[in-house]
Structure formats: structure tokens, C-alpha cells
Amino acid sequence: MTTTCKLGLGLWVVICLVACNNSNQDKTETPDTAIEIIEAEKEPTKPKETELYVPVPPTVNPTGKNGVPSDAIILFDGTNFDEWEMTSDSTAVKWLLNADGSMTVKDKTGNIQTKRNFGSVQLHVEWRSPKEVQGNGQNRGNSGVFLQKRYEVQVLDNNNNDTYVNGQVGSIYKQSIPLAKASVPSGQWNTYDIIYHAPEFDSEGHKTKSATITVLHNNVLIQDHFEIQGTSEYIGWPKNDPHGKAPIMLQDHQDNSRVSYRNIWLRELE
């Protein structure tokens, strides 16, 4: 039997399998296998030979209200909490809805999360720490954006406020130190633009591919396709229990952080 297959760019291989049908040979003998490498495919000589016309990408309008792309899911536009619920019991959100189109953490009420579940996403979040500085270290303007309810991009007021660098603003909490600190002055609006690809697990629950994350903080690259090691843990090592799609979660750090959020949207990447 002879089969032909293409390996790599322009390389064709012919594999010839010759069965041993000689009755004088041992019936358990393994057939001979011959591999012949044929000359590489010739380089194209006409422009059309390297032009593709399908699939045609969809058209996205990038100039919608507040810069939201036309194919995005708007999670918070400042008018209501329709897309959100309390993480603890799925009840109505207890955070503060402000007249300026933002929301603010209400201390000690708990985290909030999206009602919908998501996997790989492009996520845009705007956040602001209070102009009036209170506390220090991890107790100043602390919150967090959690992908799939497990993997945290740290929100923190680090202006003139040092802390451990794998827990500072823009870190993947306790895992990846940001490449730069790009915060605006306290009380002004920051942006996070996040490209997140979810982890993959096999049928037995073993992780076969790590999640990856890229983060731009105020248009500055601070996380560059980092491979997330597992869940964001305050104490202990990251965990890798299997999971599927899950909510986006925003943290109430329960220390009067008074962090505010606005203009949250995402585009699903799968």
C-alpha cells in the first residue's frame, strides 16, 4: 500500500508499506517500511498562488459609544447592574451605582460577578482608586479583576505606596510581576485591556494547556502572554482543578477600599 501526505511547508512524503506475503516467511514478521522523501513543492511564481479569499473576517465598528466595539458584550455602562449579581448568593448587587456612570465597592458587602459565564475573552475595564488616600500597602484602593472567577489581575493604589511586587497593581496576583507600573494619579481613571485565553483540561481533569494573559495598563504593556500557573491564592500554591466557562468577578477587599469601576465590556474569543 502506498500513501502520500504533506509534512510541513511544501514537503511531500511518500510512505510505502510492503506486506510480507511470502508463504515461506514467518507469519509474525513485521512488514518492511520504506520512506521516500520527494523534492520540495516548487515556490509559487504568480501572486495569486499565495492569495487567500476565504474565510472573510466579520466587519466590526470600533467607534461605538465610549469606544465599545460593535460586537462587544456590554457588562456595565453605568445605568444598571443587570449583568451582575452578588457572588455569595446570586442576589441583587449591593454596590453603589453612581450618578457619573460608575459603580463603587460597598465595603463588606462581598464580591460581585457576571451572571453569564465566559471563557477566552478580550476584556476592557476602567477603574479608579479614591482621590482621598487612606491606608497603606495592600489596604489602599485594593480590588481585583478575576477571569473565570479564579485568576486575578490586581487592582491597587500603588502611588507612593510600596508593597510586594507580585501583589502590586497590574500583577497576576502572587504569580507574575508587572513589566511596568503605569498608574495615573490617585483618583483618576485607569484602564485595563486584557487578552485572556482559558486553560484546557482533558477528559480525566488534567490540565493540558495553561491559561495565558496579556494586560495593557493605560495602554502600556505590563503582562506579555504570561502562562497562568493556576488559581490566585493568598496563601499556598496555585491550584488547577478542572473547570469550564465561569463568571468575571470584581473583588470587595473588605477594607474600605472604595474602588470604582465603569465602562466594562468584552469580546468573546471562541
C-alpha atoms as a PDB file:
ATOM      1  CA  MET A   1       0.000   0.000   0.000  1.00  0.00           C
ATOM      2  CA  THR A   2       1.258   3.490  -0.866  1.00  0.00           C
ATOM      3  CA  THR A   3       0.078   6.726   0.802  1.00  0.00           C
ATOM      4  CA  THR A   4       1.071  10.321   0.147  1.00  0.00           C
ATOM      5  CA  CYS A   5       0.978  13.068   2.780  1.00  0.00           C
ATOM      6  CA  LYS A   6       2.246  16.619   3.189  1.00  0.00           C
ATOM      7  CA  LEU A   7       4.588  17.379   6.093  1.00  0.00           C
ATOM      8  CA  GLY A   8       5.446  20.966   6.950  1.00  0.00           C
ATOM      9  CA  LEU A   9       5.698  23.745   4.349  1.00  0.00           C
ATOM     10  CA  GLY A  10       5.874  22.360   0.832  1.00  0.00           C
ATOM     11  CA  LEU A  11       7.360  18.965   1.756  1.00  0.00           C
ATOM     12  CA  TRP A  12       5.713  15.847   0.374  1.00  0.00           C
ATOM     13  CA  VAL A  13       6.453  12.361   1.682  1.00  0.00           C
ATOM     14  CA  VAL A  14       5.504   9.060   0.103  1.00  0.00           C
ATOM     15  CA  ILE A  15       5.254   6.170   2.537  1.00  0.00           C
ATOM     16  CA  CYS A  16       5.277   2.714   1.047  1.00  0.00           C
ATOM     17  CA  LEU A  17       4.153  -0.198   3.183  1.00  0.00           C
ATOM     18  CA  VAL A  18       5.091  -3.567   1.695  1.00  0.00           C
ATOM     19  CA  ALA A  19       3.349  -6.551   3.278  1.00  0.00           C
ATOM     20  CA  CYS A  20       5.215  -9.847   3.517  1.00  0.00           C
ATOM     21  CA  ASN A  21       3.011 -12.322   1.678  1.00  0.00           C
ATOM     22  CA  ASN A  22       5.686 -14.923   1.036  1.00  0.00           C
ATOM     23  CA  SER A  23       4.347 -18.185   2.432  1.00  0.00           C
ATOM     24  CA  ASN A  24       7.911 -19.296   3.242  1.00  0.00           C
ATOM     25  CA  GLN A  25       8.349 -16.379   5.706  1.00  0.00           C
ATOM     26  CA  ASP A  26       7.373 -16.333   9.346  1.00  0.00           C
ATOM     27  CA  LYS A  27       3.768 -15.030   9.515  1.00  0.00           C
ATOM     28  CA  THR A  28       4.668 -12.886  12.567  1.00  0.00           C
ATOM     29  CA  GLU A  29       7.354 -10.939  10.705  1.00  0.00           C
ATOM     30  CA  THR A  30       6.773  -7.171  10.676  1.00  0.00           C
ATOM     31  CA  PRO A  31       6.221  -5.677   7.199  1.00  0.00           C
ATOM     32  CA  ASP A  32       9.066  -3.660   5.690  1.00  0.00           C
ATOM     33  CA  THR A  33       8.512   0.116   5.718  1.00  0.00           C
ATOM     34  CA  ALA A  34      10.152   2.395   3.153  1.00  0.00           C
ATOM     35  CA  ILE A  35      10.048   6.193   3.367  1.00  0.00           C
ATOM     36  CA  GLU A  36      10.987   8.188   0.290  1.00  0.00           C
ATOM     37  CA  ILE A  37      11.264  11.950   0.505  1.00  0.00           C
ATOM     38  CA  ILE A  38      10.165  13.666  -2.686  1.00  0.00           C
ATOM     39  CA  GLU A  39      11.518  17.047  -3.805  1.00  0.00           C
ATOM     40  CA  ALA A  40      10.018  20.102  -2.065  1.00  0.00           C
ATOM     41  CA  GLU A  41       6.991  21.741  -3.640  1.00  0.00           C
ATOM     42  CA  LYS A  42       8.021  24.400  -6.119  1.00  0.00           C
ATOM     43  CA  GLU A  43       7.933  28.016  -4.958  1.00  0.00           C
ATOM     44  CA  PRO A  44       4.945  29.974  -6.322  1.00  0.00           C
ATOM     45  CA  THR A  45       5.647  32.077  -9.389  1.00  0.00           C
ATOM     46  CA  LYS A  46       2.362  34.032  -9.539  1.00  0.00           C
ATOM     47  CA  PRO A  47       0.875  36.401  -6.908  1.00  0.00           C
ATOM     48  CA  LYS A  48      -2.497  34.619  -6.896  1.00  0.00           C
ATOM     49  CA  GLU A  49      -0.858  31.362  -5.816  1.00  0.00           C
ATOM     50  CA  THR A  50      -0.325  32.845  -2.312  1.00  0.00           C
ATOM     51  CA  GLU A  51      -3.559  34.859  -2.040  1.00  0.00           C
ATOM     52  CA  LEU A  52      -6.451  33.720   0.187  1.00  0.00           C
ATOM     53  CA  TYR A  53     -10.055  34.923  -0.214  1.00  0.00           C
ATOM     54  CA  VAL A  54     -11.806  32.876   2.494  1.00  0.00           C
ATOM     55  CA  PRO A  55     -12.746  32.950   5.278  1.00  0.00           C
ATOM     56  CA  VAL A  56     -13.789  36.614   5.164  1.00  0.00           C
ATOM     57  CA  PRO A  57     -13.389  38.277   8.620  1.00  0.00           C
ATOM     58  CA  PRO A  58     -16.518  39.950  10.048  1.00  0.00           C
ATOM     59  CA  THR A  59     -16.686  43.737   9.986  1.00  0.00           C
ATOM     60  CA  VAL A  60     -16.509  45.371  13.436  1.00  0.00           C
ATOM     61  CA  ASN A  61     -17.223  49.055  14.046  1.00  0.00           C
ATOM     62  CA  PRO A  62     -14.632  50.205  16.610  1.00  0.00           C
ATOM     63  CA  THR A  63     -16.128  53.655  17.170  1.00  0.00           C
ATOM     64  CA  GLY A  64     -19.258  52.910  19.170  1.00  0.00           C
ATOM     65  CA  LYS A  65     -20.362  54.722  22.315  1.00  0.00           C
ATOM     66  CA  ASN A  66     -17.465  55.030  24.802  1.00  0.00           C
ATOM     67  CA  GLY A  67     -15.242  53.280  22.258  1.00  0.00           C
ATOM     68  CA  VAL A  68     -17.052  49.958  22.608  1.00  0.00           C
ATOM     69  CA  PRO A  69     -16.705  47.723  19.509  1.00  0.00           C
ATOM     70  CA  SER A  70     -19.956  46.825  17.781  1.00  0.00           C
ATOM     71  CA  ASP A  71     -19.571  43.092  18.512  1.00  0.00           C
ATOM     72  CA  ALA A  72     -18.812  43.539  22.234  1.00  0.00           C
ATOM     73  CA  ILE A  73     -20.942  42.412  25.163  1.00  0.00           C
ATOM     74  CA  ILE A  74     -21.517  45.438  27.400  1.00  0.00           C
ATOM     75  CA  LEU A  75     -21.236  44.327  31.019  1.00  0.00           C
ATOM     76  CA  PHE A  76     -21.569  47.743  32.646  1.00  0.00           C
ATOM     77  CA  ASP A  77     -22.483  51.073  31.044  1.00  0.00           C
ATOM     78  CA  GLY A  78     -23.313  52.944  34.233  1.00  0.00           C
ATOM     79  CA  THR A  79     -27.078  52.634  34.068  1.00  0.00           C
ATOM     80  CA  ASN A  80     -27.809  49.402  35.953  1.00  0.00           C
ATOM     81  CA  PHE A  81     -26.466  46.133  37.386  1.00  0.00           C
ATOM     82  CA  ASP A  82     -28.474  43.914  35.044  1.00  0.00           C
ATOM     83  CA  GLU A  83     -25.419  41.839  34.063  1.00  0.00           C
ATOM     84  CA  TRP A  84     -24.199  41.375  37.640  1.00  0.00           C
ATOM     85  CA  GLU A  85     -25.056  39.582  40.880  1.00  0.00           C
ATOM     86  CA  MET A  86     -23.555  39.063  44.320  1.00  0.00           C
ATOM     87  CA  THR A  87     -21.025  36.223  44.254  1.00  0.00           C
ATOM     88  CA  SER A  88     -22.041  34.836  47.633  1.00  0.00           C
ATOM     89  CA  ASP A  89     -25.720  34.147  46.947  1.00  0.00           C
ATOM     90  CA  SER A  90     -26.611  35.363  43.408  1.00  0.00           C
ATOM     91  CA  THR A  91     -28.823  38.146  44.801  1.00  0.00           C
ATOM     92  CA  ALA A  92     -29.064  41.739  43.564  1.00  0.00           C
ATOM     93  CA  VAL A  93     -25.842  43.759  43.637  1.00  0.00           C
ATOM     94  CA  LYS A  94     -25.311  45.784  46.825  1.00  0.00           C
ATOM     95  CA  TRP A  95     -22.517  48.002  45.473  1.00  0.00           C
ATOM     96  CA  LEU A  96     -23.131  51.725  44.858  1.00  0.00           C
ATOM     97  CA  LEU A  97     -24.440  52.897  41.480  1.00  0.00           C
ATOM     98  CA  ASN A  98     -23.161  56.446  40.983  1.00  0.00           C
ATOM     99  CA  ALA A  99     -24.640  59.386  39.066  1.00  0.00           C
ATOM    100  CA  ASP A 100     -21.460  59.721  36.954  1.00  0.00           C
ATOM    101  CA  GLY A 101     -21.985  56.290  35.354  1.00  0.00           C
ATOM    102  CA  SER A 102     -19.654  54.364  37.625  1.00  0.00           C
ATOM    103  CA  MET A 103     -20.080  51.866  40.435  1.00  0.00           C
ATOM    104  CA  THR A 104     -18.189  51.745  43.728  1.00  0.00           C
ATOM    105  CA  VAL A 105     -17.420  48.854  46.049  1.00  0.00           C
ATOM    106  CA  LYS A 106     -19.656  48.994  49.116  1.00  0.00           C
ATOM    107  CA  ASP A 107     -17.411  47.851  51.930  1.00  0.00           C
ATOM    108  CA  LYS A 108     -18.004  44.405  53.391  1.00  0.00           C
ATOM    109  CA  THR A 109     -20.905  43.529  51.100  1.00  0.00           C
ATOM    110  CA  GLY A 110     -18.852  41.000  49.126  1.00  0.00           C
ATOM    111  CA  ASN A 111     -17.635  40.341  45.595  1.00  0.00           C
ATOM    112  CA  ILE A 112     -19.816  40.726  42.523  1.00  0.00           C
ATOM    113  CA  GLN A 113     -19.731  38.637  39.346  1.00  0.00           C
ATOM    114  CA  THR A 114     -21.308  38.473  35.920  1.00  0.00           C
ATOM    115  CA  LYS A 115     -24.483  36.443  35.550  1.00  0.00           C
ATOM    116  CA  ARG A 116     -23.041  34.972  32.348  1.00  0.00           C
ATOM    117  CA  ASN A 117     -20.115  32.585  32.108  1.00  0.00           C
ATOM    118  CA  PHE A 118     -17.131  33.248  29.838  1.00  0.00           C
ATOM    119  CA  GLY A 119     -14.002  31.513  28.608  1.00  0.00           C
ATOM    120  CA  SER A 120     -11.394  33.228  26.426  1.00  0.00           C
ATOM    121  CA  VAL A 121     -12.057  36.971  26.143  1.00  0.00           C
ATOM    122  CA  GLN A 122     -10.826  40.418  25.268  1.00  0.00           C
ATOM    123  CA  LEU A 123     -11.847  42.409  28.350  1.00  0.00           C
ATOM    124  CA  HIS A 124     -11.876  46.178  28.873  1.00  0.00           C
ATOM    125  CA  VAL A 125     -12.212  47.559  32.425  1.00  0.00           C
ATOM    126  CA  GLU A 126     -11.843  51.103  33.750  1.00  0.00           C
ATOM    127  CA  TRP A 127     -11.163  51.581  37.460  1.00  0.00           C
ATOM    128  CA  ARG A 128     -10.329  54.351  39.899  1.00  0.00           C
ATOM    129  CA  SER A 129      -8.901  54.408  43.396  1.00  0.00           C
ATOM    130  CA  PRO A 130     -10.155  57.143  45.767  1.00  0.00           C
ATOM    131  CA  LYS A 131      -8.565  60.588  45.468  1.00  0.00           C
ATOM    132  CA  GLU A 132      -8.555  60.803  49.258  1.00  0.00           C
ATOM    133  CA  VAL A 133      -5.739  58.461  50.268  1.00  0.00           C
ATOM    134  CA  GLN A 134      -6.423  56.115  53.177  1.00  0.00           C
ATOM    135  CA  GLY A 135      -4.418  53.115  54.377  1.00  0.00           C
ATOM    136  CA  ASN A 136      -1.154  51.744  53.061  1.00  0.00           C
ATOM    137  CA  GLY A 137       0.288  48.656  51.420  1.00  0.00           C
ATOM    138  CA  GLN A 138      -2.415  46.173  50.446  1.00  0.00           C
ATOM    139  CA  ASN A 139      -5.031  48.182  52.344  1.00  0.00           C
ATOM    140  CA  ARG A 140      -5.129  51.145  49.959  1.00  0.00           C
ATOM    141  CA  GLY A 141      -7.504  51.061  46.993  1.00  0.00           C
ATOM    142  CA  ASN A 142      -7.379  47.259  46.780  1.00  0.00           C
ATOM    143  CA  SER A 143      -9.660  45.274  44.484  1.00  0.00           C
ATOM    144  CA  GLY A 144      -9.188  42.788  41.678  1.00  0.00           C
ATOM    145  CA  VAL A 145     -10.466  41.604  38.311  1.00  0.00           C
ATOM    146  CA  PHE A 146     -10.874  37.827  38.268  1.00  0.00           C
ATOM    147  CA  LEU A 147     -11.016  35.894  34.988  1.00  0.00           C
ATOM    148  CA  GLN A 148     -13.187  32.777  35.225  1.00  0.00           C
ATOM    149  CA  LYS A 149     -13.636  33.627  38.923  1.00  0.00           C
ATOM    150  CA  ARG A 150     -10.134  32.255  39.631  1.00  0.00           C
ATOM    151  CA  TYR A 151      -7.306  34.245  38.070  1.00  0.00           C
ATOM    152  CA  GLU A 152      -6.729  37.763  39.441  1.00  0.00           C
ATOM    153  CA  VAL A 153      -5.350  40.890  37.843  1.00  0.00           C
ATOM    154  CA  GLN A 154      -4.594  43.056  40.864  1.00  0.00           C
ATOM    155  CA  VAL A 155      -6.180  46.476  41.311  1.00  0.00           C
ATOM    156  CA  LEU A 156      -4.319  48.619  43.853  1.00  0.00           C
ATOM    157  CA  ASP A 157      -3.345  52.213  44.582  1.00  0.00           C
ATOM    158  CA  ASN A 158       0.446  51.877  44.440  1.00  0.00           C
ATOM    159  CA  ASN A 159       1.199  55.599  44.117  1.00  0.00           C
ATOM    160  CA  ASN A 160       3.869  56.328  46.746  1.00  0.00           C
ATOM    161  CA  ASN A 161       2.776  53.072  48.341  1.00  0.00           C
ATOM    162  CA  ASP A 162       5.152  50.121  48.031  1.00  0.00           C
ATOM    163  CA  THR A 163       4.114  46.509  48.586  1.00  0.00           C
ATOM    164  CA  TYR A 164       5.311  43.070  47.489  1.00  0.00           C
ATOM    165  CA  VAL A 165       5.832  43.328  43.739  1.00  0.00           C
ATOM    166  CA  ASN A 166       3.915  40.148  42.812  1.00  0.00           C
ATOM    167  CA  GLY A 167       0.928  41.752  44.526  1.00  0.00           C
ATOM    168  CA  GLN A 168       1.271  45.303  43.226  1.00  0.00           C
ATOM    169  CA  VAL A 169      -1.030  46.962  40.723  1.00  0.00           C
ATOM    170  CA  GLY A 170      -1.136  45.048  37.424  1.00  0.00           C
ATOM    171  CA  SER A 171       0.316  41.843  38.834  1.00  0.00           C
ATOM    172  CA  ILE A 172      -1.180  38.439  38.213  1.00  0.00           C
ATOM    173  CA  TYR A 173      -1.637  38.059  41.933  1.00  0.00           C
ATOM    174  CA  LYS A 174       1.208  36.163  43.643  1.00  0.00           C
ATOM    175  CA  GLN A 175       2.404  34.875  40.236  1.00  0.00           C
ATOM    176  CA  SER A 176       3.655  37.493  37.778  1.00  0.00           C
ATOM    177  CA  ILE A 177       5.330  40.842  38.498  1.00  0.00           C
ATOM    178  CA  PRO A 178       4.168  43.516  36.019  1.00  0.00           C
ATOM    179  CA  LEU A 179       6.669  44.754  33.455  1.00  0.00           C
ATOM    180  CA  ALA A 180       5.974  48.366  34.497  1.00  0.00           C
ATOM    181  CA  LYS A 181       3.863  50.424  36.897  1.00  0.00           C
ATOM    182  CA  ALA A 182       1.703  52.616  34.688  1.00  0.00           C
ATOM    183  CA  SER A 183      -0.822  54.085  37.128  1.00  0.00           C
ATOM    184  CA  VAL A 184      -2.314  57.550  36.776  1.00  0.00           C
ATOM    185  CA  PRO A 185      -2.544  59.781  39.888  1.00  0.00           C
ATOM    186  CA  SER A 186      -4.846  58.563  42.660  1.00  0.00           C
ATOM    187  CA  GLY A 187      -8.460  59.497  41.967  1.00  0.00           C
ATOM    188  CA  GLN A 188      -8.080  59.412  38.158  1.00  0.00           C
ATOM    189  CA  TRP A 189      -9.379  56.672  35.852  1.00  0.00           C
ATOM    190  CA  ASN A 190      -7.134  53.737  34.880  1.00  0.00           C
ATOM    191  CA  THR A 191      -7.810  51.298  32.055  1.00  0.00           C
ATOM    192  CA  TYR A 192      -7.060  47.592  31.820  1.00  0.00           C
ATOM    193  CA  ASP A 193      -7.220  45.922  28.417  1.00  0.00           C
ATOM    194  CA  ILE A 194      -6.859  42.190  28.864  1.00  0.00           C
ATOM    195  CA  ILE A 195      -6.433  39.374  26.348  1.00  0.00           C
ATOM    196  CA  TYR A 196      -7.169  36.118  28.127  1.00  0.00           C
ATOM    197  CA  HIS A 197      -7.110  32.563  26.788  1.00  0.00           C
ATOM    198  CA  ALA A 198      -8.697  29.972  29.073  1.00  0.00           C
ATOM    199  CA  PRO A 199      -6.888  26.794  30.205  1.00  0.00           C
ATOM    200  CA  GLU A 200      -7.767  23.414  28.738  1.00  0.00           C
ATOM    201  CA  PHE A 201      -8.337  20.113  30.548  1.00  0.00           C
ATOM    202  CA  ASP A 202      -8.614  16.539  29.296  1.00  0.00           C
ATOM    203  CA  SER A 203     -11.489  14.144  29.998  1.00  0.00           C
ATOM    204  CA  GLU A 204      -9.788  12.993  33.203  1.00  0.00           C
ATOM    205  CA  GLY A 205      -9.455  16.525  34.571  1.00  0.00           C
ATOM    206  CA  HIS A 206      -5.734  17.010  33.897  1.00  0.00           C
ATOM    207  CA  LYS A 207      -4.662  20.419  32.632  1.00  0.00           C
ATOM    208  CA  THR A 208      -3.337  20.085  29.091  1.00  0.00           C
ATOM    209  CA  LYS A 209      -2.841  23.781  28.348  1.00  0.00           C
ATOM    210  CA  SER A 210      -2.275  26.692  30.711  1.00  0.00           C
ATOM    211  CA  ALA A 211      -4.300  29.876  30.576  1.00  0.00           C
ATOM    212  CA  THR A 212      -2.440  32.852  29.134  1.00  0.00           C
ATOM    213  CA  ILE A 213      -2.947  36.546  29.756  1.00  0.00           C
ATOM    214  CA  THR A 214      -1.768  39.811  28.237  1.00  0.00           C
ATOM    215  CA  VAL A 215      -2.533  43.091  30.027  1.00  0.00           C
ATOM    216  CA  LEU A 216      -2.191  46.710  28.942  1.00  0.00           C
ATOM    217  CA  HIS A 217      -2.456  49.224  31.776  1.00  0.00           C
ATOM    218  CA  ASN A 218      -3.275  52.680  30.430  1.00  0.00           C
ATOM    219  CA  ASN A 219      -2.031  51.450  27.020  1.00  0.00           C
ATOM    220  CA  VAL A 220       1.281  50.243  28.493  1.00  0.00           C
ATOM    221  CA  LEU A 221       2.095  46.526  28.147  1.00  0.00           C
ATOM    222  CA  ILE A 222       2.527  45.138  31.667  1.00  0.00           C
ATOM    223  CA  GLN A 223       1.815  41.401  31.189  1.00  0.00           C
ATOM    224  CA  ASP A 224       3.048  39.767  27.981  1.00  0.00           C
ATOM    225  CA  HIS A 225       1.316  36.447  27.233  1.00  0.00           C
ATOM    226  CA  PHE A 226       2.026  35.143  30.740  1.00  0.00           C
ATOM    227  CA  GLU A 227       1.193  31.485  31.355  1.00  0.00           C
ATOM    228  CA  ILE A 228      -1.015  31.443  34.442  1.00  0.00           C
ATOM    229  CA  GLN A 229       0.149  28.789  36.892  1.00  0.00           C
ATOM    230  CA  GLY A 230      -3.287  28.214  38.422  1.00  0.00           C
ATOM    231  CA  THR A 231      -5.708  29.920  40.776  1.00  0.00           C
ATOM    232  CA  SER A 232      -4.756  33.144  42.559  1.00  0.00           C
ATOM    233  CA  GLU A 233      -4.140  32.123  46.160  1.00  0.00           C
ATOM    234  CA  TYR A 234      -3.455  34.422  49.113  1.00  0.00           C
ATOM    235  CA  ILE A 235      -1.796  31.516  50.945  1.00  0.00           C
ATOM    236  CA  GLY A 236      -0.368  28.434  49.259  1.00  0.00           C
ATOM    237  CA  TRP A 237       0.404  27.346  45.700  1.00  0.00           C
ATOM    238  CA  PRO A 238      -1.879  27.843  42.681  1.00  0.00           C
ATOM    239  CA  LYS A 239      -4.480  25.098  42.169  1.00  0.00           C
ATOM    240  CA  ASN A 240      -5.546  23.549  38.858  1.00  0.00           C
ATOM    241  CA  ASP A 241      -8.904  21.887  39.395  1.00  0.00           C
ATOM    242  CA  PRO A 242     -10.717  21.373  36.063  1.00  0.00           C
ATOM    243  CA  HIS A 243     -13.401  23.888  35.107  1.00  0.00           C
ATOM    244  CA  GLY A 244     -15.300  25.297  32.172  1.00  0.00           C
ATOM    245  CA  LYS A 245     -16.579  28.772  31.452  1.00  0.00           C
ATOM    246  CA  ALA A 246     -17.166  30.912  34.552  1.00  0.00           C
ATOM    247  CA  PRO A 247     -18.041  34.495  35.551  1.00  0.00           C
ATOM    248  CA  ILE A 248     -15.900  37.615  35.537  1.00  0.00           C
ATOM    249  CA  MET A 249     -15.615  38.664  39.202  1.00  0.00           C
ATOM    250  CA  LEU A 250     -14.790  42.015  40.837  1.00  0.00           C
ATOM    251  CA  GLN A 251     -13.429  41.982  44.368  1.00  0.00           C
ATOM    252  CA  ASP A 252     -14.565  43.638  47.556  1.00  0.00           C
ATOM    253  CA  HIS A 253     -11.315  43.548  49.555  1.00  0.00           C
ATOM    254  CA  GLN A 254     -13.322  44.443  52.686  1.00  0.00           C
ATOM    255  CA  ASP A 255     -11.011  47.199  53.876  1.00  0.00           C
ATOM    256  CA  ASN A 256     -12.918  50.340  52.835  1.00  0.00           C
ATOM    257  CA  SER A 257     -11.066  50.331  49.510  1.00  0.00           C
ATOM    258  CA  ARG A 258     -13.744  52.481  47.763  1.00  0.00           C
ATOM    259  CA  VAL A 259     -12.537  51.391  44.304  1.00  0.00           C
ATOM    260  CA  SER A 260     -14.844  52.401  41.462  1.00  0.00           C
ATOM    261  CA  TYR A 261     -15.447  50.788  38.044  1.00  0.00           C
ATOM    262  CA  ARG A 262     -17.011  51.941  34.772  1.00  0.00           C
ATOM    263  CA  ASN A 263     -17.265  51.103  31.041  1.00  0.00           C
ATOM    264  CA  ILE A 264     -16.775  47.318  31.274  1.00  0.00           C
ATOM    265  CA  TRP A 265     -17.149  45.292  28.083  1.00  0.00           C
ATOM    266  CA  LEU A 266     -15.728  42.172  26.475  1.00  0.00           C
ATOM    267  CA  ARG A 267     -15.466  40.288  23.209  1.00  0.00           C
ATOM    268  CA  GLU A 268     -15.584  36.510  23.311  1.00  0.00           C
ATOM    269  CA  LEU A 269     -12.597  34.895  21.601  1.00  0.00           C
ATOM    270  CA  GLU A 270     -14.067  31.445  20.984  1.00  0.00           C
END
